[in-house]
Amino acid sequence: MIENRTTDIGDGITGLIPFAYRGWAFLCGAKERSPDAFQPVTLRLSDGGGQTALPEDTEPYATEAEALRHAQQQAMRWVNDRTGDGQGQF
């Protein structure tokens, strides 16, 4: 299991943790699709305190940790696409 998790915010989404990249703030976690499949969840945090979900990654992952890693990568790609570094630098 992932350490430092927030509480379940509903809709089966658990393990949201803060993630910052190049000055942008996100919450990343996983949504349990079945007992052995997880879907990444990435929420962008705005300066005003709002949250915007990034497009869903429909690929299922075998573990919560793997889904979390992909959620963080999605956040990084989102930032890179908007800062002129569309090729991404992970």
C-alpha atoms as a PDB file:
ATOM      1  CA  MET A   1       0.000   0.000   0.000  1.00  0.00           C
ATOM      2  CA  ILE A   2       0.996   3.612  -0.557  1.00  0.00           C
ATOM      3  CA  GLU A   3       2.085   5.594   2.487  1.00  0.00           C
ATOM      4  CA  ASN A   4       0.884   9.122   3.373  1.00  0.00           C
ATOM      5  CA  ARG A   5      -2.453   8.636   1.694  1.00  0.00           C
ATOM      6  CA  THR A   6      -5.402  10.945   2.037  1.00  0.00           C
ATOM      7  CA  THR A   7      -8.841   9.630   2.821  1.00  0.00           C
ATOM      8  CA  ASP A   8     -11.071   8.036   0.216  1.00  0.00           C
ATOM      9  CA  ILE A   9     -12.805  10.916  -1.612  1.00  0.00           C
ATOM     10  CA  GLY A  10     -15.506   8.710  -3.070  1.00  0.00           C
ATOM     11  CA  ASP A  11     -16.022   6.909  -6.338  1.00  0.00           C
ATOM     12  CA  GLY A  12     -13.439   4.301  -5.273  1.00  0.00           C
ATOM     13  CA  ILE A  13     -10.553   6.796  -5.512  1.00  0.00           C
ATOM     14  CA  THR A  14      -7.954   6.221  -2.815  1.00  0.00           C
ATOM     15  CA  GLY A  15      -4.367   7.069  -2.080  1.00  0.00           C
ATOM     16  CA  LEU A  16      -4.377  10.667  -3.330  1.00  0.00           C
ATOM     17  CA  ILE A  17      -1.046  12.260  -2.557  1.00  0.00           C
ATOM     18  CA  PRO A  18       0.286  15.725  -3.392  1.00  0.00           C
ATOM     19  CA  PHE A  19       2.584  15.900  -6.409  1.00  0.00           C
ATOM     20  CA  ALA A  20       4.365  19.047  -7.619  1.00  0.00           C
ATOM     21  CA  TYR A  21       6.128  19.437 -10.940  1.00  0.00           C
ATOM     22  CA  ARG A  22       7.634  22.640 -12.410  1.00  0.00           C
ATOM     23  CA  GLY A  23       5.487  24.851 -10.216  1.00  0.00           C
ATOM     24  CA  TRP A  24       2.191  23.034 -10.884  1.00  0.00           C
ATOM     25  CA  ALA A  25       0.332  21.190  -8.127  1.00  0.00           C
ATOM     26  CA  PHE A  26      -1.561  17.917  -8.488  1.00  0.00           C
ATOM     27  CA  LEU A  27      -3.145  15.170  -6.470  1.00  0.00           C
ATOM     28  CA  CYS A  28      -2.322  11.724  -7.827  1.00  0.00           C
ATOM     29  CA  GLY A  29      -3.805   8.396  -6.863  1.00  0.00           C
ATOM     30  CA  ALA A  30      -5.586   5.287  -8.033  1.00  0.00           C
ATOM     31  CA  LYS A  31      -9.135   4.104  -8.561  1.00  0.00           C
ATOM     32  CA  GLU A  32      -9.807   0.439  -7.916  1.00  0.00           C
ATOM     33  CA  ARG A  33     -11.532  -1.054 -10.964  1.00  0.00           C
ATOM     34  CA  SER A  34     -11.558  -4.615  -9.651  1.00  0.00           C
ATOM     35  CA  PRO A  35      -9.703  -6.508  -6.921  1.00  0.00           C
ATOM     36  CA  ASP A  36      -6.649  -6.799  -9.185  1.00  0.00           C
ATOM     37  CA  ALA A  37      -6.826  -3.708 -11.432  1.00  0.00           C
ATOM     38  CA  PHE A  38      -6.257  -0.019 -10.705  1.00  0.00           C
ATOM     39  CA  GLN A  39      -6.747   3.077 -12.845  1.00  0.00           C
ATOM     40  CA  PRO A  40      -4.570   6.211 -12.434  1.00  0.00           C
ATOM     41  CA  VAL A  41      -6.299   9.392 -11.238  1.00  0.00           C
ATOM     42  CA  THR A  42      -4.733  12.856 -11.628  1.00  0.00           C
ATOM     43  CA  LEU A  43      -6.310  16.071 -10.330  1.00  0.00           C
ATOM     44  CA  ARG A  44      -4.775  19.470 -11.142  1.00  0.00           C
ATOM     45  CA  LEU A  45      -5.034  21.961  -8.296  1.00  0.00           C
ATOM     46  CA  SER A  46      -5.717  25.586  -9.182  1.00  0.00           C
ATOM     47  CA  ASP A  47      -4.507  28.633  -7.287  1.00  0.00           C
ATOM     48  CA  GLY A  48      -8.076  29.293  -6.142  1.00  0.00           C
ATOM     49  CA  GLY A  49      -8.333  25.883  -4.494  1.00  0.00           C
ATOM     50  CA  GLY A  50     -10.316  24.155  -7.229  1.00  0.00           C
ATOM     51  CA  GLN A  51      -9.563  20.764  -8.724  1.00  0.00           C
ATOM     52  CA  THR A  52      -9.728  19.695 -12.366  1.00  0.00           C
ATOM     53  CA  ALA A  53      -9.445  16.038 -13.338  1.00  0.00           C
ATOM     54  CA  LEU A  54      -7.034  15.287 -16.155  1.00  0.00           C
ATOM     55  CA  PRO A  55      -8.381  12.930 -18.841  1.00  0.00           C
ATOM     56  CA  GLU A  56      -8.724   9.374 -17.597  1.00  0.00           C
ATOM     57  CA  ASP A  57      -6.060   6.826 -18.389  1.00  0.00           C
ATOM     58  CA  THR A  58      -8.155   3.833 -19.399  1.00  0.00           C
ATOM     59  CA  GLU A  59      -5.289   1.354 -19.132  1.00  0.00           C
ATOM     60  CA  PRO A  60      -5.658  -0.880 -16.051  1.00  0.00           C
ATOM     61  CA  TYR A  61      -2.597  -1.518 -13.894  1.00  0.00           C
ATOM     62  CA  ALA A  62      -1.985  -4.501 -11.630  1.00  0.00           C
ATOM     63  CA  THR A  63      -1.013  -2.559  -8.502  1.00  0.00           C
ATOM     64  CA  GLU A  64      -1.968   0.674  -6.805  1.00  0.00           C
ATOM     65  CA  ALA A  65       1.680   1.773  -6.821  1.00  0.00           C
ATOM     66  CA  GLU A  66       1.956   1.271 -10.593  1.00  0.00           C
ATOM     67  CA  ALA A  67      -1.235   3.266 -11.178  1.00  0.00           C
ATOM     68  CA  LEU A  68       0.096   6.062  -8.931  1.00  0.00           C
ATOM     69  CA  ARG A  69       3.355   6.186 -10.920  1.00  0.00           C
ATOM     70  CA  HIS A  70       1.383   6.513 -14.156  1.00  0.00           C
ATOM     71  CA  ALA A  71      -0.772   9.262 -12.616  1.00  0.00           C
ATOM     72  CA  GLN A  72       2.400  11.204 -11.807  1.00  0.00           C
ATOM     73  CA  GLN A  73       3.716  10.663 -15.336  1.00  0.00           C
ATOM     74  CA  GLN A  74       0.412  11.946 -16.721  1.00  0.00           C
ATOM     75  CA  ALA A  75       0.803  15.113 -14.636  1.00  0.00           C
ATOM     76  CA  MET A  76       4.336  15.590 -15.954  1.00  0.00           C
ATOM     77  CA  ARG A  77       3.212  15.138 -19.573  1.00  0.00           C
ATOM     78  CA  TRP A  78       0.354  17.615 -19.006  1.00  0.00           C
ATOM     79  CA  VAL A  79       2.818  20.266 -17.747  1.00  0.00           C
ATOM     80  CA  ASN A  80       5.378  19.554 -20.466  1.00  0.00           C
ATOM     81  CA  ASP A  81       2.706  19.881 -23.167  1.00  0.00           C
ATOM     82  CA  ARG A  82       1.811  23.342 -21.837  1.00  0.00           C
ATOM     83  CA  THR A  83       5.297  24.694 -21.240  1.00  0.00           C
ATOM     84  CA  GLY A  84       6.768  24.184 -24.685  1.00  0.00           C
ATOM     85  CA  ASP A  85       8.481  20.913 -23.818  1.00  0.00           C
ATOM     86  CA  GLY A  86       6.013  18.570 -25.492  1.00  0.00           C
ATOM     87  CA  GLN A  87       8.570  15.793 -25.883  1.00  0.00           C
ATOM     88  CA  GLY A  88       8.613  15.474 -22.104  1.00  0.00           C
ATOM     89  CA  GLN A  89      11.556  15.017 -19.810  1.00  0.00           C
ATOM     90  CA  PHE A  90      11.015  12.374 -17.196  1.00  0.00           C
END
